[in-house]
Each structure stands twice: as structure tokens, then as C-alpha cells.
PDB file of N, CA and C in Angstrom:
ATOM      1  N   MET A   1     -82.732 106.697 196.828  1.00  0.00           N
ATOM      2  CA  MET A   1     -82.727 107.181 195.734  1.00  0.00           C
ATOM      3  C   MET A   1     -83.908 107.077 195.127  1.00  0.00           C
ATOM      4  N   ARG A   2     -84.650 108.204 194.756  1.00  0.00           N
ATOM      5  CA  ARG A   2     -86.057 108.513 194.074  1.00  0.00           C
ATOM      6  C   ARG A   2     -85.646 108.763 192.451  1.00  0.00           C
ATOM      7  N   PHE A   3     -86.650 107.957 191.858  1.00  0.00           N
ATOM      8  CA  PHE A   3     -86.491 107.635 190.157  1.00  0.00           C
ATOM      9  C   PHE A   3     -87.922 108.266 189.870  1.00  0.00           C
ATOM     10  N   SER A   4     -87.938 109.457 189.102  1.00  0.00           N
ATOM     11  CA  SER A   4     -89.132 109.680 188.412  1.00  0.00           C
ATOM     12  C   SER A   4     -89.083 109.160 187.077  1.00  0.00           C
ATOM     13  N   LEU A   5     -89.966 108.511 186.855  1.00  0.00           N
ATOM     14  CA  LEU A   5     -90.145 107.962 185.260  1.00  0.00           C
ATOM     15  C   LEU A   5     -90.708 108.481 184.465  1.00  0.00           C
ATOM     16  N   VAL A   6     -90.477 108.631 182.815  1.00  0.00           N
ATOM     17  CA  VAL A   6     -91.306 109.324 182.071  1.00  0.00           C
ATOM     18  C   VAL A   6     -92.446 108.743 181.787  1.00  0.00           C
ATOM     19  N   SER A   7     -92.605 107.802 181.864  1.00  0.00           N
ATOM     20  CA  SER A   7     -93.809 106.985 181.331  1.00  0.00           C
ATOM     21  C   SER A   7     -94.264 105.775 181.804  1.00  0.00           C
ATOM     22  N   ASP A   8     -95.531 105.250 181.704  1.00  0.00           N
ATOM     23  CA  ASP A   8     -95.682 103.904 181.994  1.00  0.00           C
ATOM     24  C   ASP A   8     -94.808 102.743 181.591  1.00  0.00           C
ATOM     25  N   ALA A   9     -94.576 102.978 180.607  1.00  0.00           N
ATOM     26  CA  ALA A   9     -93.741 102.186 179.420  1.00  0.00           C
ATOM     27  C   ALA A   9     -91.974 102.083 180.398  1.00  0.00           C
ATOM     28  N   ALA A  10     -91.557 103.302 180.454  1.00  0.00           N
ATOM     29  CA  ALA A  10     -90.510 103.488 181.152  1.00  0.00           C
ATOM     30  C   ALA A  10     -90.479 102.850 182.736  1.00  0.00           C
ATOM     31  N   ALA A  11     -91.519 102.707 183.261  1.00  0.00           N
ATOM     32  CA  ALA A  11     -91.822 102.412 184.680  1.00  0.00           C
ATOM     33  C   ALA A  11     -91.703 100.832 184.469  1.00  0.00           C
ATOM     34  N   ALA A  12     -92.232 100.129 183.572  1.00  0.00           N
ATOM     35  CA  ALA A  12     -92.415  98.699 183.458  1.00  0.00           C
ATOM     36  C   ALA A  12     -90.661  98.244 183.122  1.00  0.00           C
ATOM     37  N   GLU A  13     -90.180  99.121 182.112  1.00  0.00           N
ATOM     38  CA  GLU A  13     -88.752  98.815 181.803  1.00  0.00           C
ATOM     39  C   GLU A  13     -87.738  98.682 182.885  1.00  0.00           C
ATOM     40  N   PHE A  14     -88.071  99.998 183.820  1.00  0.00           N
ATOM     41  CA  PHE A  14     -87.278  99.893 185.005  1.00  0.00           C
ATOM     42  C   PHE A  14     -87.445  99.016 186.083  1.00  0.00           C
ATOM     43  N   ASP A  15     -88.638  98.455 186.340  1.00  0.00           N
ATOM     44  CA  ASP A  15     -88.987  97.385 187.027  1.00  0.00           C
ATOM     45  C   ASP A  15     -88.536  95.882 186.452  1.00  0.00           C
ATOM     46  N   ASP A  16     -88.560  95.941 185.183  1.00  0.00           N
ATOM     47  CA  ASP A  16     -87.752  94.538 184.393  1.00  0.00           C
ATOM     48  C   ASP A  16     -86.355  94.885 184.483  1.00  0.00           C
ATOM     49  N   LEU A  17     -85.796  95.675 184.145  1.00  0.00           N
ATOM     50  CA  LEU A  17     -84.160  95.798 184.396  1.00  0.00           C
ATOM     51  C   LEU A  17     -83.835  95.532 186.180  1.00  0.00           C
ATOM     52  N   LEU A  18     -84.498  95.874 186.827  1.00  0.00           N
ATOM     53  CA  LEU A  18     -84.030  95.538 188.389  1.00  0.00           C
ATOM     54  C   LEU A  18     -84.395  94.462 188.646  1.00  0.00           C
ATOM     55  N   SER A  19     -85.528  93.777 188.659  1.00  0.00           N
ATOM     56  CA  SER A  19     -85.918  92.545 188.441  1.00  0.00           C
ATOM     57  C   SER A  19     -85.015  91.296 187.945  1.00  0.00           C
ATOM     58  N   ALA A  20     -84.191  92.045 186.774  1.00  0.00           N
ATOM     59  CA  ALA A  20     -83.361  90.873 186.188  1.00  0.00           C
ATOM     60  C   ALA A  20     -82.083  91.211 186.909  1.00  0.00           C
ATOM     61  N   ALA A  21     -81.647  92.304 187.524  1.00  0.00           N
ATOM     62  CA  ALA A  21     -80.324  92.553 187.941  1.00  0.00           C
ATOM     63  C   ALA A  21     -80.550  91.847 189.403  1.00  0.00           C
ATOM     64  N   LEU A  22     -81.442  91.919 190.301  1.00  0.00           N
ATOM     65  CA  LEU A  22     -81.237  91.564 191.782  1.00  0.00           C
ATOM     66  C   LEU A  22     -81.234  90.330 192.175  1.00  0.00           C
ATOM     67  N   PRO A  23     -81.472  89.176 191.129  1.00  0.00           N
ATOM     68  CA  PRO A  23     -80.907  87.968 191.560  1.00  0.00           C
ATOM     69  C   PRO A  23     -79.379  87.930 191.753  1.00  0.00           C
ATOM     70  N   GLY A  24     -78.905  88.292 190.935  1.00  0.00           N
ATOM     71  CA  GLY A  24     -77.404  88.289 190.882  1.00  0.00           C
ATOM     72  C   GLY A  24     -76.658  89.064 192.159  1.00  0.00           C
ATOM     73  N   VAL A  25     -77.375  90.186 192.236  1.00  0.00           N
ATOM     74  CA  VAL A  25     -76.869  90.995 193.710  1.00  0.00           C
ATOM     75  C   VAL A  25     -77.108  90.063 194.710  1.00  0.00           C
ATOM     76  N   GLU A  26     -78.345  89.764 194.729  1.00  0.00           N
ATOM     77  CA  GLU A  26     -78.804  88.689 196.265  1.00  0.00           C
ATOM     78  C   GLU A  26     -77.704  87.915 196.307  1.00  0.00           C
ATOM     79  N   ALA A  27     -77.525  87.280 195.397  1.00  0.00           N
ATOM     80  CA  ALA A  27     -76.571  85.732 195.398  1.00  0.00           C
ATOM     81  C   ALA A  27     -74.747  86.331 195.730  1.00  0.00           C
ATOM     82  N   ASP A  28     -74.534  87.310 194.600  1.00  0.00           N
ATOM     83  CA  ASP A  28     -72.943  87.577 194.636  1.00  0.00           C
ATOM     84  C   ASP A  28     -72.466  88.858 195.063  1.00  0.00           C
ATOM     85  N   GLU A  29     -73.188  89.682 195.795  1.00  0.00           N
ATOM     86  CA  GLU A  29     -73.135  90.507 196.583  1.00  0.00           C
ATOM     87  C   GLU A  29     -72.868  90.729 198.205  1.00  0.00           C
ATOM     88  N   PRO A  30     -71.959  89.951 198.772  1.00  0.00           N
ATOM     89  CA  PRO A  30     -72.254  90.274 200.447  1.00  0.00           C
ATOM     90  C   PRO A  30     -72.089  91.378 200.945  1.00  0.00           C
ATOM     91  N   GLY A  31     -71.723  92.458 200.371  1.00  0.00           N
ATOM     92  CA  GLY A  31     -71.550  93.924 200.593  1.00  0.00           C
ATOM     93  C   GLY A  31     -72.609  94.585 200.698  1.00  0.00           C
ATOM     94  N   THR A  32     -73.474  94.193 199.432  1.00  0.00           N
ATOM     95  CA  THR A  32     -74.786  94.900 199.460  1.00  0.00           C
ATOM     96  C   THR A  32     -75.909  94.367 200.369  1.00  0.00           C
ATOM     97  N   LEU A  33     -76.242  94.885 201.661  1.00  0.00           N
ATOM     98  CA  LEU A  33     -76.948  94.413 202.629  1.00  0.00           C
ATOM     99  C   LEU A  33     -78.050  94.378 202.657  1.00  0.00           C
ATOM    100  N   VAL A  34     -78.722  95.573 202.229  1.00  0.00           N
ATOM    101  CA  VAL A  34     -80.112  95.883 201.790  1.00  0.00           C
ATOM    102  C   VAL A  34     -80.084  96.343 200.503  1.00  0.00           C
ATOM    103  N   TYR A  35     -81.380  95.911 199.702  1.00  0.00           N
ATOM    104  CA  TYR A  35     -81.581  96.601 198.529  1.00  0.00           C
ATOM    105  C   TYR A  35     -82.988  96.351 198.356  1.00  0.00           C
ATOM    106  N   LEU A  36     -83.844  97.310 198.433  1.00  0.00           N
ATOM    107  CA  LEU A  36     -85.274  97.533 198.505  1.00  0.00           C
ATOM    108  C   LEU A  36     -86.130  98.551 197.463  1.00  0.00           C
ATOM    109  N   VAL A  37     -86.760  97.974 196.707  1.00  0.00           N
ATOM    110  CA  VAL A  37     -87.503  98.832 195.767  1.00  0.00           C
ATOM    111  C   VAL A  37     -88.693  99.263 196.239  1.00  0.00           C
ATOM    112  N   HIS A  38     -89.436 100.274 196.329  1.00  0.00           N
ATOM    113  CA  HIS A  38     -90.447 100.832 196.560  1.00  0.00           C
ATOM    114  C   HIS A  38     -91.476 101.486 195.722  1.00  0.00           C
ATOM    115  N   ARG A  39     -92.850 101.070 195.507  1.00  0.00           N
ATOM    116  CA  ARG A  39     -93.674 101.916 194.522  1.00  0.00           C
ATOM    117  C   ARG A  39     -94.121 102.754 195.809  1.00  0.00           C
ATOM    118  N   VAL A  40     -94.745 104.007 195.278  1.00  0.00           N
ATOM    119  CA  VAL A  40     -95.060 105.079 196.177  1.00  0.00           C
ATOM    120  C   VAL A  40     -96.621 105.438 195.364  1.00  0.00           C
ATOM    121  N   ALA A  41     -97.056 106.497 196.115  1.00  0.00           N
ATOM    122  CA  ALA A  41     -98.485 107.088 195.549  1.00  0.00           C
ATOM    123  C   ALA A  41     -98.491 107.144 193.969  1.00  0.00           C
ATOM    124  N   ASP A  42     -97.290 107.828 193.582  1.00  0.00           N
ATOM    125  CA  ASP A  42     -97.355 108.073 192.197  1.00  0.00           C
ATOM    126  C   ASP A  42     -96.651 107.171 191.246  1.00  0.00           C
ATOM    127  N   PRO A  43     -97.564 106.600 190.389  1.00  0.00           N
ATOM    128  CA  PRO A  43     -97.122 105.194 189.675  1.00  0.00           C
ATOM    129  C   PRO A  43     -96.046 105.473 188.887  1.00  0.00           C
ATOM    130  N   LEU A  44     -95.365 106.962 188.617  1.00  0.00           N
ATOM    131  CA  LEU A  44     -94.158 106.963 187.979  1.00  0.00           C
ATOM    132  C   LEU A  44     -93.137 107.357 188.640  1.00  0.00           C
ATOM    133  N   GLU A  45     -93.170 106.992 190.069  1.00  0.00           N
ATOM    134  CA  GLU A  45     -92.026 107.228 191.013  1.00  0.00           C
ATOM    135  C   GLU A  45     -91.716 105.754 191.471  1.00  0.00           C
ATOM    136  N   ARG A  46     -90.397 105.636 191.696  1.00  0.00           N
ATOM    137  CA  ARG A  46     -89.865 104.284 192.341  1.00  0.00           C
ATOM    138  C   ARG A  46     -88.920 104.793 193.575  1.00  0.00           C
ATOM    139  N   VAL A  47     -88.739 104.551 194.506  1.00  0.00           N
ATOM    140  CA  VAL A  47     -87.982 104.669 195.802  1.00  0.00           C
ATOM    141  C   VAL A  47     -87.034 103.375 196.239  1.00  0.00           C
ATOM    142  N   VAL A  48     -85.527 103.649 195.777  1.00  0.00           N
ATOM    143  CA  VAL A  48     -84.731 102.689 196.281  1.00  0.00           C
ATOM    144  C   VAL A  48     -83.820 102.914 197.594  1.00  0.00           C
ATOM    145  N   THR A  49     -84.194 101.880 198.583  1.00  0.00           N
ATOM    146  CA  THR A  49     -83.214 101.951 199.787  1.00  0.00           C
ATOM    147  C   THR A  49     -82.155 100.655 199.648  1.00  0.00           C
ATOM    148  N   ALA A  50     -80.969 101.306 199.522  1.00  0.00           N
ATOM    149  CA  ALA A  50     -79.840 100.376 199.586  1.00  0.00           C
ATOM    150  C   ALA A  50     -78.813 100.834 200.605  1.00  0.00           C
ATOM    151  N   VAL A  51     -78.347  99.787 201.421  1.00  0.00           N
ATOM    152  CA  VAL A  51     -77.307  99.824 202.401  1.00  0.00           C
ATOM    153  C   VAL A  51     -76.002  98.975 202.019  1.00  0.00           C
ATOM    154  N   TYR A  52     -75.024  99.399 202.038  1.00  0.00           N
ATOM    155  CA  TYR A  52     -73.832  98.841 201.730  1.00  0.00           C
ATOM    156  C   TYR A  52     -72.801  98.815 202.660  1.00  0.00           C
ATOM    157  N   ALA A  53     -71.719  97.642 202.640  1.00  0.00           N
ATOM    158  CA  ALA A  53     -70.833  97.414 203.840  1.00  0.00           C
ATOM    159  C   ALA A  53     -70.009  98.594 203.854  1.00  0.00           C
ATOM    160  N   ASP A  54     -69.755  98.992 202.375  1.00  0.00           N
ATOM    161  CA  ASP A  54     -68.693 100.084 202.612  1.00  0.00           C
ATOM    162  C   ASP A  54     -68.425 100.602 200.842  1.00  0.00           C
ATOM    163  N   ALA A  55     -67.742 101.505 200.727  1.00  0.00           N
ATOM    164  CA  ALA A  55     -67.619 102.204 199.466  1.00  0.00           C
ATOM    165  C   ALA A  55     -67.298 101.278 198.308  1.00  0.00           C
ATOM    166  N   ALA A  56     -66.550 100.083 198.761  1.00  0.00           N
ATOM    167  CA  ALA A  56     -66.040  99.189 197.495  1.00  0.00           C
ATOM    168  C   ALA A  56     -67.373  98.499 197.487  1.00  0.00           C
ATOM    169  N   ALA A  57     -68.269  97.932 198.256  1.00  0.00           N
ATOM    170  CA  ALA A  57     -69.162  97.315 198.003  1.00  0.00           C
ATOM    171  C   ALA A  57     -70.295  98.013 197.007  1.00  0.00           C
ATOM    172  N   HIS A  58     -70.403  99.254 197.305  1.00  0.00           N
ATOM    173  CA  HIS A  58     -71.335 100.128 196.397  1.00  0.00           C
ATOM    174  C   HIS A  58     -70.747 100.154 194.705  1.00  0.00           C
ATOM    175  N   GLU A  59     -69.323 100.069 194.966  1.00  0.00           N
ATOM    176  CA  GLU A  59     -68.759 100.489 193.511  1.00  0.00           C
ATOM    177  C   GLU A  59     -68.892  99.070 192.957  1.00  0.00           C
ATOM    178  N   THR A  60     -68.739  97.725 193.677  1.00  0.00           N
ATOM    179  CA  THR A  60     -68.779  96.544 192.914  1.00  0.00           C
ATOM    180  C   THR A  60     -70.312  96.439 192.498  1.00  0.00           C
ATOM    181  N   HIS A  61     -71.424  97.060 193.307  1.00  0.00           N
ATOM    182  CA  HIS A  61     -72.814  96.984 192.982  1.00  0.00           C
ATOM    183  C   HIS A  61     -72.898  97.655 191.710  1.00  0.00           C
ATOM    184  N   ASN A  62     -72.591  98.873 191.449  1.00  0.00           N
ATOM    185  CA  ASN A  62     -72.750  99.734 190.241  1.00  0.00           C
ATOM    186  C   ASN A  62     -72.123  99.160 189.077  1.00  0.00           C
ATOM    187  N   ALA A  63     -70.942  98.191 189.251  1.00  0.00           N
ATOM    188  CA  ALA A  63     -70.258  97.933 187.952  1.00  0.00           C
ATOM    189  C   ALA A  63     -70.719  96.426 187.624  1.00  0.00           C
ATOM    190  N   ARG A  64     -71.673  95.994 188.382  1.00  0.00           N
ATOM    191  CA  ARG A  64     -72.199  94.332 187.815  1.00  0.00           C
ATOM    192  C   ARG A  64     -73.015  94.666 186.611  1.00  0.00           C
ATOM    193  N   PRO A  65     -72.933  93.892 185.666  1.00  0.00           N
ATOM    194  CA  PRO A  65     -73.670  94.234 184.342  1.00  0.00           C
ATOM    195  C   PRO A  65     -75.002  94.307 184.261  1.00  0.00           C
ATOM    196  N   GLY A  66     -75.879  93.846 185.361  1.00  0.00           N
ATOM    197  CA  GLY A  66     -77.407  94.232 185.253  1.00  0.00           C
ATOM    198  C   GLY A  66     -77.534  95.632 185.859  1.00  0.00           C
ATOM    199  N   MET A  67     -76.747  96.152 186.834  1.00  0.00           N
ATOM    200  CA  MET A  67     -76.809  97.250 187.267  1.00  0.00           C
ATOM    201  C   MET A  67     -76.397  98.428 186.263  1.00  0.00           C
ATOM    202  N   ALA A  68     -75.418  98.276 185.564  1.00  0.00           N
ATOM    203  CA  ALA A  68     -74.587  98.717 184.585  1.00  0.00           C
ATOM    204  C   ALA A  68     -75.509  99.150 183.602  1.00  0.00           C
ATOM    205  N   ALA A  69     -76.344  97.929 183.237  1.00  0.00           N
ATOM    206  CA  ALA A  69     -77.444  98.082 181.905  1.00  0.00           C
ATOM    207  C   ALA A  69     -78.303  99.097 182.376  1.00  0.00           C
ATOM    208  N   LEU A  70     -78.781  99.149 183.698  1.00  0.00           N
ATOM    209  CA  LEU A  70     -80.003 100.137 184.275  1.00  0.00           C
ATOM    210  C   LEU A  70     -79.305 101.374 184.032  1.00  0.00           C
ATOM    211  N   LEU A  71     -77.974 101.735 184.801  1.00  0.00           N
ATOM    212  CA  LEU A  71     -77.427 102.773 184.722  1.00  0.00           C
ATOM    213  C   LEU A  71     -77.485 103.678 183.481  1.00  0.00           C
ATOM    214  N   ALA A  72     -77.262 102.927 182.487  1.00  0.00           N
ATOM    215  CA  ALA A  72     -77.048 103.246 181.030  1.00  0.00           C
ATOM    216  C   ALA A  72     -78.454 103.705 180.509  1.00  0.00           C
ATOM    217  N   ARG A  73     -79.410 103.189 180.778  1.00  0.00           N
ATOM    218  CA  ARG A  73     -80.806 103.509 180.503  1.00  0.00           C
ATOM    219  C   ARG A  73     -81.566 104.560 181.217  1.00  0.00           C
ATOM    220  N   LEU A  74     -80.846 105.019 182.549  1.00  0.00           N
ATOM    221  CA  LEU A  74     -81.504 106.135 183.176  1.00  0.00           C
ATOM    222  C   LEU A  74     -81.698 107.200 182.441  1.00  0.00           C
ATOM    223  N   PRO A  75     -81.012 107.855 181.683  1.00  0.00           N
ATOM    224  CA  PRO A  75     -81.111 109.088 181.047  1.00  0.00           C
ATOM    225  C   PRO A  75     -82.679 109.099 180.116  1.00  0.00           C
ATOM    226  N   GLU A  76     -82.926 107.770 179.368  1.00  0.00           N
ATOM    227  CA  GLU A  76     -83.934 108.126 178.785  1.00  0.00           C
ATOM    228  C   GLU A  76     -85.184 107.435 179.487  1.00  0.00           C
ATOM    229  N   LEU A  77     -84.863 106.700 180.581  1.00  0.00           N
ATOM    230  CA  LEU A  77     -86.372 106.473 181.577  1.00  0.00           C
ATOM    231  C   LEU A  77     -86.586 107.445 182.488  1.00  0.00           C
ATOM    232  N   THR A  78     -86.128 108.226 182.958  1.00  0.00           N
ATOM    233  CA  THR A  78     -86.229 109.312 183.873  1.00  0.00           C
ATOM    234  C   THR A  78     -86.040 110.786 183.689  1.00  0.00           C
ATOM    235  N   SER A  79     -86.926 111.098 184.360  1.00  0.00           N
ATOM    236  CA  SER A  79     -86.926 113.001 184.338  1.00  0.00           C
ATOM    237  C   SER A  79     -86.010 113.331 185.402  1.00  0.00           C
ATOM    238  N   SER A  80     -85.800 112.455 186.361  1.00  0.00           N
ATOM    239  CA  SER A  80     -84.912 113.204 187.625  1.00  0.00           C
ATOM    240  C   SER A  80     -84.695 111.774 188.423  1.00  0.00           C
ATOM    241  N   VAL A  81     -83.456 111.925 189.177  1.00  0.00           N
ATOM    242  CA  VAL A  81     -82.958 111.278 189.904  1.00  0.00           C
ATOM    243  C   VAL A  81     -82.548 111.843 191.185  1.00  0.00           C
ATOM    244  N   LEU A  82     -83.166 111.831 192.479  1.00  0.00           N
ATOM    245  CA  LEU A  82     -82.873 112.349 193.419  1.00  0.00           C
ATOM    246  C   LEU A  82     -81.838 111.130 194.100  1.00  0.00           C
ATOM    247  N   VAL A  83     -80.505 111.339 194.632  1.00  0.00           N
ATOM    248  CA  VAL A  83     -79.888 110.579 195.394  1.00  0.00           C
ATOM    249  C   VAL A  83     -79.505 111.124 196.642  1.00  0.00           C
ATOM    250  N   GLU A  84     -79.674 110.551 197.570  1.00  0.00           N
ATOM    251  CA  GLU A  84     -79.200 111.033 199.039  1.00  0.00           C
ATOM    252  C   GLU A  84     -78.377 109.993 199.744  1.00  0.00           C
ATOM    253  N   GLU A  85     -77.199 110.510 200.174  1.00  0.00           N
ATOM    254  CA  GLU A  85     -76.472 109.289 200.890  1.00  0.00           C
ATOM    255  C   GLU A  85     -76.536 110.163 202.443  1.00  0.00           C
ATOM    256  N   HIS A  86     -76.645 108.862 203.343  1.00  0.00           N
ATOM    257  CA  HIS A  86     -76.961 109.089 204.803  1.00  0.00           C
ATOM    258  C   HIS A  86     -75.917 108.135 205.379  1.00  0.00           C
ATOM    259  N   SER A  87     -75.741 108.314 206.759  1.00  0.00           N
ATOM    260  CA  SER A  87     -74.719 107.485 207.905  1.00  0.00           C
ATOM    261  C   SER A  87     -75.760 107.563 208.849  1.00  0.00           C
ATOM    262  N   SER A  88     -75.416 106.176 209.189  1.00  0.00           N
ATOM    263  CA  SER A  88     -76.427 105.889 210.671  1.00  0.00           C
ATOM    264  C   SER A  88     -76.264 106.421 211.439  1.00  0.00           C
ATOM    265  N   VAL A  89     -77.028 106.910 212.483  1.00  0.00           N
ATOM    266  CA  VAL A  89     -76.718 107.575 213.847  1.00  0.00           C
ATOM    267  C   VAL A  89     -77.131 106.576 214.684  1.00  0.00           C
ATOM    268  N   THR A  90     -78.438 106.162 214.696  1.00  0.00           N
ATOM    269  CA  THR A  90     -78.613 104.840 215.369  1.00  0.00           C
ATOM    270  C   THR A  90     -79.931 104.143 214.770  1.00  0.00           C
ATOM    271  N   GLY A  91     -80.391 103.063 215.420  1.00  0.00           N
ATOM    272  CA  GLY A  91     -81.676 102.379 214.841  1.00  0.00           C
ATOM    273  C   GLY A  91     -81.361 100.832 214.942  1.00  0.00           C
ATOM    274  N   PHE A  92     -82.241 100.132 214.140  1.00  0.00           N
ATOM    275  CA  PHE A  92     -82.433  98.745 214.020  1.00  0.00           C
ATOM    276  C   PHE A  92     -83.266  98.417 212.650  1.00  0.00           C
ATOM    277  N   ALA A  93     -83.041  96.851 212.388  1.00  0.00           N
ATOM    278  CA  ALA A  93     -83.891  96.500 211.392  1.00  0.00           C
ATOM    279  C   ALA A  93     -84.339  95.239 211.582  1.00  0.00           C
ATOM    280  N   HIS A  94     -85.475  94.598 211.631  1.00  0.00           N
ATOM    281  CA  HIS A  94     -85.763  93.290 211.390  1.00  0.00           C
ATOM    282  C   HIS A  94     -86.368  93.172 210.112  1.00  0.00           C
ATOM    283  N   LEU A  95     -85.519  92.141 209.380  1.00  0.00           N
ATOM    284  CA  LEU A  95     -85.775  91.805 208.346  1.00  0.00           C
ATOM    285  C   LEU A  95     -86.013  90.203 207.970  1.00  0.00           C
ATOM    286  N   PRO A  96     -87.127  89.904 207.993  1.00  0.00           N
ATOM    287  CA  PRO A  96     -87.371  88.610 207.913  1.00  0.00           C
ATOM    288  C   PRO A  96     -87.272  88.400 206.169  1.00  0.00           C
ATOM    289  N   ALA A  97     -86.594  87.273 206.099  1.00  0.00           N
ATOM    290  CA  ALA A  97     -86.394  86.970 204.581  1.00  0.00           C
ATOM    291  C   ALA A  97     -87.583  86.469 203.790  1.00  0.00           C
ATOM    292  N   LYS A  98     -87.653  87.534 202.664  1.00  0.00           N
ATOM    293  CA  LYS A  98     -88.703  87.389 201.640  1.00  0.00           C
ATOM    294  C   LYS A  98     -89.938  87.815 202.122  1.00  0.00           C
ATOM    295  N   GLU A  99     -90.515  88.438 203.143  1.00  0.00           N
ATOM    296  CA  GLU A  99     -91.565  88.744 203.991  1.00  0.00           C
ATOM    297  C   GLU A  99     -91.721  90.235 203.884  1.00  0.00           C
ATOM    298  N   LEU A 100     -90.884  91.099 203.414  1.00  0.00           N
ATOM    299  CA  LEU A 100     -90.802  92.430 203.415  1.00  0.00           C
ATOM    300  C   LEU A 100     -92.177  92.972 202.701  1.00  0.00           C
ATOM    301  N   VAL A 101     -92.844  93.756 203.069  1.00  0.00           N
ATOM    302  CA  VAL A 101     -93.798  94.560 202.468  1.00  0.00           C
ATOM    303  C   VAL A 101     -93.644  96.012 202.265  1.00  0.00           C
TER     304      VAL A 101
END
């Protein structure tokens, strides 16, 4: 997902909302396998990589209070949101805990 944020203040709020929500996601959502938030060259862009065990895990994720709060704020915080859904063909991931750059 790529989020185009409308201002520096919107980017800060987006980051804060995700930072507040993600500890609960990590602790309580075994079906959310990967959730990474990336900054890119444009300071008003964020890219989120999310991998879910199944569609039910994705629905559970979006329904949790912290994520629902973020979703409710997206119309005011963003000028556009691009969502692409992918299914794996092949690959692997080495994910050392807390050391992703």
C-alpha cells in the first residue's frame, strides 16, 4: 500500500497512529505475518508491506480499534492511497526480529 500524505503534520499523525496500533497487532494478531512501514524518498509518502495468513486475518486486522482509527482518518490525512494485492509465486524471507532496516 502506498499512502500519499497531504502535509508534514498529516505524515506525523499517520506515523503516530501506526506506532500506537502496531504493538497490539504484533501481540494479538498471529494471522498478521508481516507488517512493515517504510519511508521513501518523498517525505510525504509511506509504503506499507503487509502479509496475512488469510482473508480472515486481514479482516481481523482492519477491525482492531487502532487500525480502525487510522482508516477513519485516512480521508483527511491522504491525497491518495494505492492498494495492490499480491499472491506469492516464489521467494523467501529472512526476518531477524527487530533488526529490519
